[in-house]
C-alpha atoms as a PDB file:
ATOM      1  CA  UNK A   1       0.045  -0.026   0.305  1.00  0.00           C
ATOM      2  CA  UNK A   2       1.253   3.600  -0.858  1.00  0.00           C
ATOM      3  CA  UNK A   3       1.486   6.285   1.653  1.00  0.00           C
ATOM      4  CA  UNK A   4      -1.833   7.631   0.028  1.00  0.00           C
ATOM      5  CA  UNK A   5      -3.697   4.756   0.889  1.00  0.00           C
ATOM      6  CA  UNK A   6      -2.924   5.023   4.476  1.00  0.00           C
ATOM      7  CA  UNK A   7      -3.864   8.582   4.300  1.00  0.00           C
ATOM      8  CA  UNK A   8      -7.042   8.130   3.104  1.00  0.00           C
ATOM      9  CA  UNK A   9      -7.722   5.567   5.321  1.00  0.00           C
ATOM     10  CA  UNK A  10      -7.186   7.743   8.308  1.00  0.00           C
ATOM     11  CA  UNK A  11      -9.308  10.699   6.938  1.00  0.00           C
ATOM     12  CA  UNK A  12     -12.099   8.311   6.237  1.00  0.00           C
ATOM     13  CA  UNK A  13     -11.407   6.678   9.660  1.00  0.00           C
ATOM     14  CA  UNK A  14     -12.087  10.311  11.041  1.00  0.00           C
ATOM     15  CA  UNK A  15     -14.859  11.260   9.020  1.00  0.00           C
ATOM     16  CA  UNK A  16     -17.155   8.136  10.093  1.00  0.00           C
ATOM     17  CA  UNK A  17     -16.825   9.322  13.300  1.00  0.00           C
ATOM     18  CA  UNK A  18     -18.905  12.211  12.587  1.00  0.00           C
ATOM     19  CA  UNK A  19     -22.510  11.704  13.757  1.00  0.00           C
ATOM     20  CA  UNK A  20     -25.127  11.658  10.662  1.00  0.00           C
ATOM     21  CA  UNK A  21     -27.806  13.857  12.904  1.00  0.00           C
ATOM     22  CA  UNK A  22     -24.666  16.345  13.200  1.00  0.00           C
ATOM     23  CA  UNK A  23     -24.031  15.967   9.155  1.00  0.00           C
ATOM     24  CA  UNK A  24     -27.575  16.693   8.645  1.00  0.00           C
ATOM     25  CA  UNK A  25     -27.712  19.537  10.774  1.00  0.00           C
ATOM     26  CA  UNK A  26     -25.270  21.699   9.404  1.00  0.00           C
ATOM     27  CA  UNK A  27     -26.308  21.187   5.675  1.00  0.00           C
ATOM     28  CA  UNK A  28     -30.054  22.264   6.839  1.00  0.00           C
ATOM     29  CA  UNK A  29     -28.575  24.851   8.564  1.00  0.00           C
ATOM     30  CA  UNK A  30     -26.106  25.803   5.186  1.00  0.00           C
ATOM     31  CA  UNK A  31     -29.987  25.959   3.678  1.00  0.00           C
ATOM     32  CA  UNK A  32     -31.811  28.191   6.224  1.00  0.00           C
ATOM     33  CA  UNK A  33     -28.523  30.575   6.023  1.00  0.00           C
ATOM     34  CA  UNK A  34     -28.505  30.563   2.409  1.00  0.00           C
ATOM     35  CA  UNK A  35     -32.430  31.296   2.729  1.00  0.00           C
ATOM     36  CA  UNK A  36     -31.744  34.297   4.810  1.00  0.00           C
ATOM     37  CA  UNK A  37     -29.644  35.828   2.600  1.00  0.00           C
ATOM     38  CA  UNK A  38     -31.773  35.715  -0.168  1.00  0.00           C
ATOM     39  CA  UNK A  39     -34.585  37.206   1.713  1.00  0.00           C
ATOM     40  CA  UNK A  40     -32.686  39.788   2.788  1.00  0.00           C
ATOM     41  CA  UNK A  41     -31.497  40.721  -0.971  1.00  0.00           C
ATOM     42  CA  UNK A  42     -32.893  44.660  -2.283  1.00  0.00           C
ATOM     43  CA  UNK A  43     -35.470  43.908  -4.608  1.00  0.00           C
ATOM     44  CA  UNK A  44     -33.519  45.842  -7.266  1.00  0.00           C
ATOM     45  CA  UNK A  45     -30.926  43.268  -7.495  1.00  0.00           C
ATOM     46  CA  UNK A  46     -33.673  40.525  -7.927  1.00  0.00           C
ATOM     47  CA  UNK A  47     -36.094  41.899 -10.176  1.00  0.00           C
ATOM     48  CA  UNK A  48     -35.183  42.914 -14.033  1.00  0.00           C
ATOM     49  CA  UNK A  49     -35.799  46.570 -14.448  1.00  0.00           C
ATOM     50  CA  UNK A  50     -39.039  46.401 -16.868  1.00  0.00           C
ATOM     51  CA  UNK A  51     -40.714  43.944 -14.400  1.00  0.00           C
ATOM     52  CA  UNK A  52     -44.270  44.837 -13.196  1.00  0.00           C
ATOM     53  CA  UNK A  53     -45.503  41.558 -12.050  1.00  0.00           C
ATOM     54  CA  UNK A  54     -44.495  39.676  -8.392  1.00  0.00           C
ATOM     55  CA  UNK A  55     -43.809  36.533 -10.048  1.00  0.00           C
ATOM     56  CA  UNK A  56     -40.679  38.555 -12.722  1.00  0.00           C
ATOM     57  CA  UNK A  57     -39.125  39.215  -9.050  1.00  0.00           C
ATOM     58  CA  UNK A  58     -36.322  36.128  -8.443  1.00  0.00           C
ATOM     59  CA  UNK A  59     -36.009  36.228  -4.654  1.00  0.00           C
ATOM     60  CA  UNK A  60     -39.798  34.410  -4.550  1.00  0.00           C
ATOM     61  CA  UNK A  61     -38.380  31.457  -6.717  1.00  0.00           C
ATOM     62  CA  UNK A  62     -35.460  31.078  -5.292  1.00  0.00           C
ATOM     63  CA  UNK A  63     -36.879  31.322  -1.961  1.00  0.00           C
ATOM     64  CA  UNK A  64     -39.395  28.830  -3.107  1.00  0.00           C
ATOM     65  CA  UNK A  65     -36.959  26.590  -4.158  1.00  0.00           C
ATOM     66  CA  UNK A  66     -34.479  26.193  -1.138  1.00  0.00           C
ATOM     67  CA  UNK A  67     -37.740  25.824   1.713  1.00  0.00           C
ATOM     68  CA  UNK A  68     -38.600  22.784  -0.772  1.00  0.00           C
ATOM     69  CA  UNK A  69     -34.636  21.565  -0.434  1.00  0.00           C
ATOM     70  CA  UNK A  70     -35.318  22.489   3.685  1.00  0.00           C
ATOM     71  CA  UNK A  71     -38.107  20.711   4.214  1.00  0.00           C
ATOM     72  CA  UNK A  72     -37.025  17.161   1.940  1.00  0.00           C
ATOM     73  CA  UNK A  73     -33.781  17.427   3.277  1.00  0.00           C
ATOM     74  CA  UNK A  74     -35.230  17.467   7.389  1.00  0.00           C
ATOM     75  CA  UNK A  75     -38.023  15.156   6.618  1.00  0.00           C
ATOM     76  CA  UNK A  76     -35.633  12.478   4.921  1.00  0.00           C
END
């Protein structure tokens, strides 16, 4: 075995010790942080100049997509 095999085994042994609930919490927490950031963006940055309708605001659709992801990863 090469030294890379030993390093890979060592890293894998370290990663296996992390509980899955902790990984899920960090992953969902990252999605929540991105959702908060997206929702805090000013409307001028997320809407085209000639937008006349509410559904042309990209913040709405990004928030919806992130919310669905948060729900999926929280439940499963």
